[in-house]
Amino acid sequence: MFIRRLKDCKEIVAGDACHLRELLNARTDGRAYRYSLAHAVVKSGEVTKPHALKTSEVYYILEGKGRMHIGQESAGVGPGDVIDIPPEAVQYIENTGTSDLVFICIVDPAWRPEDEVVSG
């Protein structure tokens, strides 16, 4: 049985300025899944940098409220919302609340640094 605990994952500040803890990634774990899974936090008043992935990505909002921007579209988001981000779409998310905006990121196939372009 494989169990990974969030508290045991090193927090990094990703290229888009999001606070990230990578939970699963076959590239680094040596496991057989195709996707990667990360826990992300955008602090109150912060905005991630515009960026695009070559692969598809999904956000699942756990806590807080924000505004998601994909291409020319934007919408408010909150707990329980799922956001489908198509490959190559320029995207960023802003925290519009007074507490942390916390969400899960799923990237398929698994995230690789060379598949992301940060433009901000």
C-alpha atoms as a PDB file:
ATOM      1  CA  MET A   1       0.000   0.000   0.000  1.00  0.00           C
ATOM      2  CA  PHE A   2       1.307   3.419  -0.952  1.00  0.00           C
ATOM      3  CA  ILE A   3       0.305   6.416   1.187  1.00  0.00           C
ATOM      4  CA  ARG A   4       1.847   9.860   0.974  1.00  0.00           C
ATOM      5  CA  ARG A   5       1.017  12.537   3.503  1.00  0.00           C
ATOM      6  CA  LEU A   6       0.775  16.191   2.525  1.00  0.00           C
ATOM      7  CA  LYS A   7       2.877  17.258   5.516  1.00  0.00           C
ATOM      8  CA  ASP A   8       5.722  15.035   4.268  1.00  0.00           C
ATOM      9  CA  CYS A   9       5.856  16.706   0.847  1.00  0.00           C
ATOM     10  CA  LYS A  10       8.288  19.574   0.429  1.00  0.00           C
ATOM     11  CA  GLU A  11       6.624  22.901  -0.340  1.00  0.00           C
ATOM     12  CA  ILE A  12       8.035  24.814  -3.282  1.00  0.00           C
ATOM     13  CA  VAL A  13       7.120  28.063  -4.959  1.00  0.00           C
ATOM     14  CA  ALA A  14       6.338  27.002  -8.515  1.00  0.00           C
ATOM     15  CA  GLY A  15       7.274  28.972 -11.616  1.00  0.00           C
ATOM     16  CA  ASP A  16       3.820  30.558 -11.634  1.00  0.00           C
ATOM     17  CA  ALA A  17       4.347  31.765  -7.994  1.00  0.00           C
ATOM     18  CA  CYS A  18       1.887  29.250  -6.495  1.00  0.00           C
ATOM     19  CA  HIS A  19       2.849  27.414  -3.277  1.00  0.00           C
ATOM     20  CA  LEU A  20       2.908  23.779  -4.349  1.00  0.00           C
ATOM     21  CA  ARG A  21       3.407  20.332  -2.833  1.00  0.00           C
ATOM     22  CA  GLU A  22       3.694  17.563  -5.397  1.00  0.00           C
ATOM     23  CA  LEU A  23       1.853  14.520  -4.059  1.00  0.00           C
ATOM     24  CA  LEU A  24       2.178  12.096  -6.979  1.00  0.00           C
ATOM     25  CA  ASN A  25       4.261  12.131 -10.132  1.00  0.00           C
ATOM     26  CA  ALA A  26       5.412   8.973 -11.919  1.00  0.00           C
ATOM     27  CA  ARG A  27       8.420  10.948 -13.195  1.00  0.00           C
ATOM     28  CA  THR A  28       9.781  11.297  -9.653  1.00  0.00           C
ATOM     29  CA  ASP A  29       8.016   8.445  -7.815  1.00  0.00           C
ATOM     30  CA  GLY A  30       8.840   5.598 -10.190  1.00  0.00           C
ATOM     31  CA  ARG A  31       5.193   4.497 -10.089  1.00  0.00           C
ATOM     32  CA  ALA A  32       2.974   3.476 -13.003  1.00  0.00           C
ATOM     33  CA  TYR A  33       0.362   6.253 -13.127  1.00  0.00           C
ATOM     34  CA  ARG A  34       0.199   8.684 -16.085  1.00  0.00           C
ATOM     35  CA  TYR A  35      -0.911  11.800 -14.227  1.00  0.00           C
ATOM     36  CA  SER A  36       0.562  14.015 -11.547  1.00  0.00           C
ATOM     37  CA  LEU A  37      -1.278  15.304  -8.492  1.00  0.00           C
ATOM     38  CA  ALA A  38      -0.329  18.404  -6.504  1.00  0.00           C
ATOM     39  CA  HIS A  39      -1.716  20.446  -3.621  1.00  0.00           C
ATOM     40  CA  ALA A  40      -1.637  24.176  -4.342  1.00  0.00           C
ATOM     41  CA  VAL A  41      -2.096  27.320  -2.262  1.00  0.00           C
ATOM     42  CA  VAL A  42      -2.463  30.910  -3.416  1.00  0.00           C
ATOM     43  CA  LYS A  43      -2.232  33.293  -0.473  1.00  0.00           C
ATOM     44  CA  SER A  44      -4.804  36.050   0.107  1.00  0.00           C
ATOM     45  CA  GLY A  45      -4.325  38.924  -2.332  1.00  0.00           C
ATOM     46  CA  GLU A  46      -1.922  36.961  -4.564  1.00  0.00           C
ATOM     47  CA  VAL A  47      -2.235  36.014  -8.244  1.00  0.00           C
ATOM     48  CA  THR A  48      -0.348  33.301 -10.083  1.00  0.00           C
ATOM     49  CA  LYS A  49       1.636  34.228 -13.173  1.00  0.00           C
ATOM     50  CA  PRO A  50       0.068  33.533 -16.555  1.00  0.00           C
ATOM     51  CA  HIS A  51       1.300  30.185 -17.800  1.00  0.00           C
ATOM     52  CA  ALA A  52       0.408  27.401 -20.208  1.00  0.00           C
ATOM     53  CA  LEU A  53       0.976  23.667 -20.164  1.00  0.00           C
ATOM     54  CA  LYS A  54       1.335  21.418 -23.198  1.00  0.00           C
ATOM     55  CA  THR A  55      -0.890  18.936 -21.351  1.00  0.00           C
ATOM     56  CA  SER A  56      -4.389  19.091 -19.874  1.00  0.00           C
ATOM     57  CA  GLU A  57      -4.898  20.189 -16.279  1.00  0.00           C
ATOM     58  CA  VAL A  58      -7.772  20.112 -13.794  1.00  0.00           C
ATOM     59  CA  TYR A  59      -8.126  22.187 -10.630  1.00  0.00           C
ATOM     60  CA  TYR A  60     -10.429  21.117  -7.804  1.00  0.00           C
ATOM     61  CA  ILE A  61     -11.033  23.945  -5.315  1.00  0.00           C
ATOM     62  CA  LEU A  62     -10.955  22.865  -1.658  1.00  0.00           C
ATOM     63  CA  GLU A  63     -10.987  26.178   0.257  1.00  0.00           C
ATOM     64  CA  GLY A  64     -11.208  29.913  -0.311  1.00  0.00           C
ATOM     65  CA  LYS A  65     -12.461  31.895  -3.255  1.00  0.00           C
ATOM     66  CA  GLY A  66     -10.852  33.157  -6.368  1.00  0.00           C
ATOM     67  CA  ARG A  67     -11.113  34.113  -9.998  1.00  0.00           C
ATOM     68  CA  MET A  68      -9.904  31.714 -12.680  1.00  0.00           C
ATOM     69  CA  HIS A  69      -8.639  33.080 -15.987  1.00  0.00           C
ATOM     70  CA  ILE A  70      -8.291  30.843 -19.052  1.00  0.00           C
ATOM     71  CA  GLY A  71      -7.563  32.569 -22.336  1.00  0.00           C
ATOM     72  CA  GLN A  72      -9.991  35.494 -22.633  1.00  0.00           C
ATOM     73  CA  GLU A  73     -12.508  34.026 -20.160  1.00  0.00           C
ATOM     74  CA  SER A  74     -12.695  34.416 -16.381  1.00  0.00           C
ATOM     75  CA  ALA A  75     -15.076  33.249 -13.664  1.00  0.00           C
ATOM     76  CA  GLY A  76     -15.373  33.189  -9.897  1.00  0.00           C
ATOM     77  CA  VAL A  77     -14.497  29.879  -8.220  1.00  0.00           C
ATOM     78  CA  GLY A  78     -14.919  28.385  -4.768  1.00  0.00           C
ATOM     79  CA  PRO A  79     -15.014  25.112  -2.806  1.00  0.00           C
ATOM     80  CA  GLY A  80     -16.345  22.170  -4.790  1.00  0.00           C
ATOM     81  CA  ASP A  81     -15.649  23.731  -8.189  1.00  0.00           C
ATOM     82  CA  VAL A  82     -13.774  21.778 -10.861  1.00  0.00           C
ATOM     83  CA  ILE A  83     -11.933  23.716 -13.561  1.00  0.00           C
ATOM     84  CA  ASP A  84     -10.920  22.006 -16.805  1.00  0.00           C
ATOM     85  CA  ILE A  85      -7.894  23.708 -18.370  1.00  0.00           C
ATOM     86  CA  PRO A  86      -7.218  22.631 -21.958  1.00  0.00           C
ATOM     87  CA  PRO A  87      -3.686  22.023 -23.249  1.00  0.00           C
ATOM     88  CA  GLU A  88      -1.830  25.168 -24.421  1.00  0.00           C
ATOM     89  CA  ALA A  89      -4.354  27.515 -22.745  1.00  0.00           C
ATOM     90  CA  VAL A  90      -2.843  30.536 -20.996  1.00  0.00           C
ATOM     91  CA  GLN A  91      -4.187  30.459 -17.470  1.00  0.00           C
ATOM     92  CA  TYR A  92      -3.821  32.011 -14.047  1.00  0.00           C
ATOM     93  CA  ILE A  93      -5.815  32.167 -10.834  1.00  0.00           C
ATOM     94  CA  GLU A  94      -6.207  34.974  -8.348  1.00  0.00           C
ATOM     95  CA  ASN A  95      -7.202  34.754  -4.712  1.00  0.00           C
ATOM     96  CA  THR A  96     -10.107  37.171  -4.203  1.00  0.00           C
ATOM     97  CA  GLY A  97     -10.796  36.167  -0.609  1.00  0.00           C
ATOM     98  CA  THR A  98      -9.307  36.888   2.800  1.00  0.00           C
ATOM     99  CA  SER A  99      -7.972  33.373   3.421  1.00  0.00           C
ATOM    100  CA  ASP A 100      -5.815  30.953   1.445  1.00  0.00           C
ATOM    101  CA  LEU A 101      -7.167  29.625  -1.864  1.00  0.00           C
ATOM    102  CA  VAL A 102      -6.427  25.889  -1.690  1.00  0.00           C
ATOM    103  CA  PHE A 103      -6.858  23.471  -4.581  1.00  0.00           C
ATOM    104  CA  ILE A 104      -5.716  20.185  -6.073  1.00  0.00           C
ATOM    105  CA  CYS A 105      -4.051  20.122  -9.517  1.00  0.00           C
ATOM    106  CA  ILE A 106      -4.183  17.060 -11.736  1.00  0.00           C
ATOM    107  CA  VAL A 107      -2.026  17.094 -14.878  1.00  0.00           C
ATOM    108  CA  ASP A 108      -2.323  14.375 -17.530  1.00  0.00           C
ATOM    109  CA  PRO A 109       0.125  13.225 -18.693  1.00  0.00           C
ATOM    110  CA  ALA A 110       2.248  13.945 -15.617  1.00  0.00           C
ATOM    111  CA  TRP A 111       3.685  17.448 -15.222  1.00  0.00           C
ATOM    112  CA  ARG A 112       7.206  18.021 -16.507  1.00  0.00           C
ATOM    113  CA  PRO A 113       9.085  21.348 -16.325  1.00  0.00           C
ATOM    114  CA  GLU A 114       9.672  21.367 -20.077  1.00  0.00           C
ATOM    115  CA  ASP A 115       5.897  21.209 -20.702  1.00  0.00           C
ATOM    116  CA  GLU A 116       5.188  24.542 -18.986  1.00  0.00           C
ATOM    117  CA  VAL A 117       5.735  28.076 -20.234  1.00  0.00           C
ATOM    118  CA  VAL A 118       5.422  30.896 -17.675  1.00  0.00           C
ATOM    119  CA  SER A 119       4.754  34.216 -19.345  1.00  0.00           C
ATOM    120  CA  GLY A 120       4.314  36.563 -16.403  1.00  0.00           C
END
